[in-house]
C-alpha atoms as a PDB file:
ATOM      1  CA  MET A   1     -25.760 -28.698 -16.254  1.00  0.00           C
ATOM      2  CA  ILE A   2     -25.740 -28.633 -12.442  1.00  0.00           C
ATOM      3  CA  LYS A   3     -22.008 -29.419 -12.496  1.00  0.00           C
ATOM      4  CA  LYS A   4     -21.458 -26.140 -14.380  1.00  0.00           C
ATOM      5  CA  ILE A   5     -23.808 -23.991 -12.256  1.00  0.00           C
ATOM      6  CA  VAL A   6     -22.595 -25.076  -8.801  1.00  0.00           C
ATOM      7  CA  PRO A   7     -18.913 -24.130  -9.316  1.00  0.00           C
ATOM      8  CA  SER A   8     -19.939 -20.795 -10.883  1.00  0.00           C
ATOM      9  CA  LEU A   9     -22.334 -20.071  -8.037  1.00  0.00           C
ATOM     10  CA  LEU A  10     -19.695 -20.970  -5.442  1.00  0.00           C
ATOM     11  CA  LEU A  11     -17.180 -18.680  -7.133  1.00  0.00           C
ATOM     12  CA  VAL A  12     -19.644 -15.767  -7.149  1.00  0.00           C
ATOM     13  CA  LEU A  13     -20.517 -16.351  -3.478  1.00  0.00           C
ATOM     14  CA  LEU A  14     -16.855 -16.561  -2.511  1.00  0.00           C
ATOM     15  CA  ILE A  15     -16.002 -13.311  -4.320  1.00  0.00           C
ATOM     16  CA  THR A  16     -19.001 -11.547  -2.788  1.00  0.00           C
ATOM     17  CA  ALA A  17     -18.185 -12.759   0.726  1.00  0.00           C
ATOM     18  CA  CYS A  18     -14.530 -11.734   0.448  1.00  0.00           C
ATOM     19  CA  SER A  19     -15.295  -8.304  -0.963  1.00  0.00           C
ATOM     20  CA  GLN A  20     -17.818  -7.569   1.778  1.00  0.00           C
ATOM     21  CA  GLU A  21     -15.556  -8.787   4.578  1.00  0.00           C
ATOM     22  CA  ARG A  22     -12.400  -7.141   3.332  1.00  0.00           C
ATOM     23  CA  ARG A  23     -13.630  -3.564   2.837  1.00  0.00           C
ATOM     24  CA  TRP A  24     -13.663  -0.861   5.464  1.00  0.00           C
ATOM     25  CA  ASN A  25     -16.992   0.799   6.087  1.00  0.00           C
ATOM     26  CA  ASP A  26     -17.516   4.549   6.468  1.00  0.00           C
ATOM     27  CA  GLN A  27     -17.518   4.338  10.255  1.00  0.00           C
ATOM     28  CA  GLN A  28     -14.162   2.543  10.284  1.00  0.00           C
ATOM     29  CA  ARG A  29     -12.632   5.116   7.916  1.00  0.00           C
ATOM     30  CA  ALA A  30     -13.973   7.946  10.094  1.00  0.00           C
ATOM     31  CA  GLU A  31     -12.521   6.273  13.195  1.00  0.00           C
ATOM     32  CA  LEU A  32      -9.091   6.098  11.586  1.00  0.00           C
ATOM     33  CA  ARG A  33      -9.282   9.744  10.462  1.00  0.00           C
ATOM     34  CA  ARG A  34     -10.106  10.786  14.046  1.00  0.00           C
ATOM     35  CA  GLU A  35      -7.082   8.821  15.201  1.00  0.00           C
ATOM     36  CA  LEU A  36      -4.908  10.515  12.567  1.00  0.00           C
ATOM     37  CA  LYS A  37      -5.713  13.911  14.133  1.00  0.00           C
ATOM     38  CA  GLU A  38      -3.489  12.849  17.042  1.00  0.00           C
ATOM     39  CA  TYR A  39      -0.565  13.054  14.611  1.00  0.00           C
ATOM     40  CA  ARG A  40      -1.304  16.683  13.752  1.00  0.00           C
ATOM     41  CA  TYR A  41       1.503  17.877  16.037  1.00  0.00           C
ATOM     42  CA  TYR A  42       4.152  16.930  13.434  1.00  0.00           C
ATOM     43  CA  ASP A  43       5.424  20.170  11.879  1.00  0.00           C
ATOM     44  CA  TYR A  44       4.435  19.238   8.348  1.00  0.00           C
ATOM     45  CA  LEU A  45       0.888  18.304   9.355  1.00  0.00           C
ATOM     46  CA  ALA A  46       0.418  21.076  11.914  1.00  0.00           C
ATOM     47  CA  ASN A  47       0.968  23.714   9.260  1.00  0.00           C
ATOM     48  CA  MET A  48      -1.615  22.359   6.820  1.00  0.00           C
ATOM     49  CA  SER A  49      -4.992  24.002   6.519  1.00  0.00           C
ATOM     50  CA  ASP A  50      -7.948  21.889   7.674  1.00  0.00           C
ATOM     51  CA  SER A  51      -8.947  21.048   4.111  1.00  0.00           C
ATOM     52  CA  GLU A  52      -5.366  20.048   3.208  1.00  0.00           C
ATOM     53  CA  PHE A  53      -5.202  17.884   6.324  1.00  0.00           C
ATOM     54  CA  ASP A  54      -8.522  16.212   5.381  1.00  0.00           C
ATOM     55  CA  VAL A  55      -7.088  15.314   1.976  1.00  0.00           C
ATOM     56  CA  PHE A  56      -3.929  14.013   3.645  1.00  0.00           C
ATOM     57  CA  THR A  57      -5.907  11.791   6.064  1.00  0.00           C
ATOM     58  CA  THR A  58      -7.878  10.394   3.131  1.00  0.00           C
ATOM     59  CA  VAL A  59      -4.633   9.481   1.357  1.00  0.00           C
ATOM     60  CA  VAL A  60      -3.284   7.796   4.505  1.00  0.00           C
ATOM     61  CA  SER A  61      -6.490   5.892   5.264  1.00  0.00           C
ATOM     62  CA  ASP A  62      -6.822   4.754   1.623  1.00  0.00           C
ATOM     63  CA  SER A  63      -3.239   3.511   1.713  1.00  0.00           C
ATOM     64  CA  LEU A  64      -3.826   1.624   4.976  1.00  0.00           C
ATOM     65  CA  GLU A  65      -7.068   0.145   3.647  1.00  0.00           C
ATOM     66  CA  ALA A  66      -5.276  -1.073   0.517  1.00  0.00           C
ATOM     67  CA  GLN A  67      -2.541  -2.707   2.607  1.00  0.00           C
ATOM     68  CA  TYR A  68      -4.867  -4.069   5.302  1.00  0.00           C
ATOM     69  CA  PRO A  69      -8.310  -4.708   3.779  1.00  0.00           C
ATOM     70  CA  ASN A  70      -9.665  -6.315   6.971  1.00  0.00           C
ATOM     71  CA  TYR A  71     -10.163  -3.404   9.383  1.00  0.00           C
ATOM     72  CA  LYS A  72     -10.840  -5.550  12.437  1.00  0.00           C
ATOM     73  CA  GLN A  73      -7.626  -7.461  11.916  1.00  0.00           C
ATOM     74  CA  PHE A  74      -5.710  -4.226  11.225  1.00  0.00           C
ATOM     75  CA  SER A  75      -7.005  -2.384  14.290  1.00  0.00           C
ATOM     76  CA  THR A  76      -6.107  -5.241  16.662  1.00  0.00           C
ATOM     77  CA  MET A  77      -2.696  -6.174  15.291  1.00  0.00           C
ATOM     78  CA  PRO A  78       0.370  -5.531  17.451  1.00  0.00           C
ATOM     79  CA  GLY A  79       2.242  -2.400  16.410  1.00  0.00           C
ATOM     80  CA  VAL A  80      -0.703  -0.752  14.680  1.00  0.00           C
ATOM     81  CA  GLY A  81       0.526   2.679  15.844  1.00  0.00           C
ATOM     82  CA  ASP A  82       3.952   2.071  14.311  1.00  0.00           C
ATOM     83  CA  THR A  83       2.290   0.987  11.068  1.00  0.00           C
ATOM     84  CA  ILE A  84       0.195   4.165  10.969  1.00  0.00           C
ATOM     85  CA  THR A  85       3.286   6.300  11.688  1.00  0.00           C
ATOM     86  CA  THR A  86       5.196   4.558   8.887  1.00  0.00           C
ATOM     87  CA  VAL A  87       2.404   5.201   6.385  1.00  0.00           C
ATOM     88  CA  ILE A  88       2.173   8.846   7.526  1.00  0.00           C
ATOM     89  CA  PHE A  89       5.901   9.404   6.965  1.00  0.00           C
ATOM     90  CA  SER A  90       5.783   7.579   3.644  1.00  0.00           C
ATOM     91  CA  SER A  91       2.936   9.862   2.575  1.00  0.00           C
ATOM     92  CA  ILE A  92       4.808  12.971   3.733  1.00  0.00           C
ATOM     93  CA  SER A  93       7.933  11.773   1.936  1.00  0.00           C
ATOM     94  CA  TYR A  94       5.950  11.189  -1.251  1.00  0.00           C
ATOM     95  CA  ASP A  95       4.299  14.588  -0.894  1.00  0.00           C
ATOM     96  CA  LEU A  96       7.643  16.312  -0.511  1.00  0.00           C
ATOM     97  CA  SER A  97       9.170  14.346  -3.350  1.00  0.00           C
ATOM     98  CA  ALA A  98       6.296  15.338  -5.605  1.00  0.00           C
ATOM     99  CA  ASP A  99       6.410  19.053  -4.749  1.00  0.00           C
ATOM    100  CA  TYR A 100       9.323  20.558  -2.878  1.00  0.00           C
ATOM    101  CA  GLN A 101       7.349  23.761  -2.415  1.00  0.00           C
ATOM    102  CA  ASN A 102       5.816  21.857   0.500  1.00  0.00           C
ATOM    103  CA  MET A 103       8.871  22.923   2.515  1.00  0.00           C
ATOM    104  CA  ARG A 104       6.674  25.734   3.807  1.00  0.00           C
ATOM    105  CA  TYR A 105       4.795  23.125   5.848  1.00  0.00           C
ATOM    106  CA  LEU A 106       7.957  21.869   7.519  1.00  0.00           C
ATOM    107  CA  TYR A 107       9.427  25.331   8.002  1.00  0.00           C
ATOM    108  CA  PRO A 108       6.659  27.937   8.130  1.00  0.00           C
ATOM    109  CA  TYR A 109       7.618  31.564   7.552  1.00  0.00           C
ATOM    110  CA  ASP A 110       6.563  32.693  11.056  1.00  0.00           C
ATOM    111  CA  GLN A 111       8.769  30.036  12.627  1.00  0.00           C
ATOM    112  CA  LEU A 112      11.723  31.016  10.412  1.00  0.00           C
ATOM    113  CA  LYS A 113      11.270  34.664  11.478  1.00  0.00           C
ATOM    114  CA  LYS A 114      11.244  33.697  15.176  1.00  0.00           C
ATOM    115  CA  GLU A 115      14.391  31.617  14.722  1.00  0.00           C
ATOM    116  CA  GLY A 116      16.110  34.537  12.954  1.00  0.00           C
ATOM    117  CA  PHE A 117      16.562  32.848   9.575  1.00  0.00           C
ATOM    118  CA  LEU A 118      14.316  35.301   7.708  1.00  0.00           C
ATOM    119  CA  PRO A 119      13.399  38.958   8.194  1.00  0.00           C
ATOM    120  CA  LYS A 120       9.889  40.327   8.519  1.00  0.00           C
ATOM    121  CA  GLY A 121       7.978  41.597   5.515  1.00  0.00           C
ATOM    122  CA  LEU A 122       8.961  39.159   2.785  1.00  0.00           C
ATOM    123  CA  THR A 123       6.761  39.034  -0.297  1.00  0.00           C
ATOM    124  CA  LYS A 124       5.239  35.824  -1.655  1.00  0.00           C
ATOM    125  CA  ASP A 125       7.875  35.816  -4.398  1.00  0.00           C
ATOM    126  CA  ASP A 126      10.619  36.161  -1.773  1.00  0.00           C
ATOM    127  CA  MET A 127       9.192  33.230   0.183  1.00  0.00           C
ATOM    128  CA  ARG A 128       8.872  31.133  -2.985  1.00  0.00           C
ATOM    129  CA  ASN A 129      12.527  31.875  -3.783  1.00  0.00           C
ATOM    130  CA  TYR A 130      13.573  31.023  -0.234  1.00  0.00           C
ATOM    131  CA  TYR A 131      11.726  27.681  -0.218  1.00  0.00           C
ATOM    132  CA  SER A 132      13.063  26.830  -3.696  1.00  0.00           C
ATOM    133  CA  CYS A 133      16.604  27.495  -2.464  1.00  0.00           C
ATOM    134  CA  LEU A 134      16.032  25.359   0.626  1.00  0.00           C
ATOM    135  CA  ALA A 135      14.541  22.515  -1.427  1.00  0.00           C
ATOM    136  CA  GLN A 136      17.473  22.610  -3.876  1.00  0.00           C
ATOM    137  CA  LYS A 137      19.983  22.357  -1.039  1.00  0.00           C
ATOM    138  CA  ILE A 138      18.087  19.487   0.574  1.00  0.00           C
ATOM    139  CA  ASN A 139      17.773  17.666  -2.763  1.00  0.00           C
ATOM    140  CA  ALA A 140      21.492  18.073  -3.421  1.00  0.00           C
ATOM    141  CA  ASN A 141      22.603  16.914   0.027  1.00  0.00           C
ATOM    142  CA  TYR A 142      20.226  14.099   0.955  1.00  0.00           C
ATOM    143  CA  PRO A 143      19.968  10.927  -1.116  1.00  0.00           C
ATOM    144  CA  SER A 144      16.198  10.716  -0.597  1.00  0.00           C
ATOM    145  CA  MET A 145      13.371  12.460   1.208  1.00  0.00           C
ATOM    146  CA  VAL A 146      13.148   9.485   3.573  1.00  0.00           C
ATOM    147  CA  VAL A 147      16.735  10.114   4.712  1.00  0.00           C
ATOM    148  CA  PHE A 148      15.963  13.820   5.059  1.00  0.00           C
ATOM    149  CA  LEU A 149      12.846  13.104   7.171  1.00  0.00           C
ATOM    150  CA  GLU A 150      14.784  10.673   9.341  1.00  0.00           C
ATOM    151  CA  THR A 151      17.303  13.458   9.960  1.00  0.00           C
ATOM    152  CA  VAL A 152      14.519  15.887  10.883  1.00  0.00           C
ATOM    153  CA  ILE A 153      12.887  13.351  13.215  1.00  0.00           C
ATOM    154  CA  SER A 154      16.196  12.498  14.904  1.00  0.00           C
ATOM    155  CA  GLY A 155      16.682  16.176  15.764  1.00  0.00           C
ATOM    156  CA  ASP A 156      19.957  16.507  13.860  1.00  0.00           C
ATOM    157  CA  THR A 157      19.314  20.012  12.563  1.00  0.00           C
ATOM    158  CA  ALA A 158      22.834  21.467  12.200  1.00  0.00           C
ATOM    159  CA  GLN A 159      23.075  20.934   8.427  1.00  0.00           C
ATOM    160  CA  ILE A 160      19.462  21.961   7.838  1.00  0.00           C
ATOM    161  CA  ASN A 161      19.964  25.130   9.897  1.00  0.00           C
ATOM    162  CA  THR A 162      23.013  25.917   7.750  1.00  0.00           C
ATOM    163  CA  PHE A 163      20.828  25.609   4.647  1.00  0.00           C
ATOM    164  CA  LYS A 164      18.148  27.827   6.217  1.00  0.00           C
ATOM    165  CA  ARG A 165      20.773  30.443   7.087  1.00  0.00           C
ATOM    166  CA  GLN A 166      22.374  30.334   3.601  1.00  0.00           C
ATOM    167  CA  CYS A 167      19.038  30.658   1.808  1.00  0.00           C
ATOM    168  CA  GLY A 168      17.870  33.437   4.133  1.00  0.00           C
ATOM    169  CA  ALA A 169      21.074  35.500   3.969  1.00  0.00           C
ATOM    170  CA  PRO A 170      20.242  37.401   0.747  1.00  0.00           C
ATOM    171  CA  PHE A 171      16.878  38.460   2.160  1.00  0.00           C
ATOM    172  CA  LYS A 172      18.355  39.583   5.464  1.00  0.00           C
ATOM    173  CA  GLU A 173      21.088  41.516   3.628  1.00  0.00           C
ATOM    174  CA  ALA A 174      18.530  43.201   1.355  1.00  0.00           C
ATOM    175  CA  LYS A 175      16.409  44.228   4.355  1.00  0.00           C
ATOM    176  CA  ALA A 176      19.482  45.540   6.178  1.00  0.00           C
ATOM    177  CA  ALA A 177      20.581  47.524   3.114  1.00  0.00           C
ATOM    178  CA  ALA A 178      17.089  48.992   2.672  1.00  0.00           C
ATOM    179  CA  LYS A 179      17.022  49.929   6.355  1.00  0.00           C
ATOM    180  CA  SER A 180      20.421  51.662   6.206  1.00  0.00           C
ATOM    181  CA  LYS A 181      19.302  53.818   3.239  1.00  0.00           C
ATOM    182  CA  LYS A 182      16.454  55.283   5.308  1.00  0.00           C
END
């Protein structure tokens, strides 16, 4: 009887010890989320509302916790910043792959107006059409969102600016035609 109880008891203790040691606590999750705020300067993240950014940081921290269950080991490993950056870009890439309407985060309307790609006074439908056009061009010309994001990060914007200009041209022409009729 004891031969059956001891192995079972040891197995239960081992599972309990591992699950307690290998889970992040609330304080550790909060610490990581505070650290993720330092990444808010990326265009995609900077243009999210606070509640959207909170959801995004939860996704990133959950992903990191799943990959690195031992927080102490994770936080002290060499290259932890690079690991966090990689998970952030993977999450952004997944987000964009799931919903290309998220282009508005990478290229907000106000920024596009300042750069001269879009005129003032566009309606929500106009903006939706613009971002759909931009997403279609990016989908057709980049093999994956990862490649697209690498292009954005590298600063090679010539092709992307061409797409912005092409998608914005009908709106600029319509505004110019409406202005000339007045």
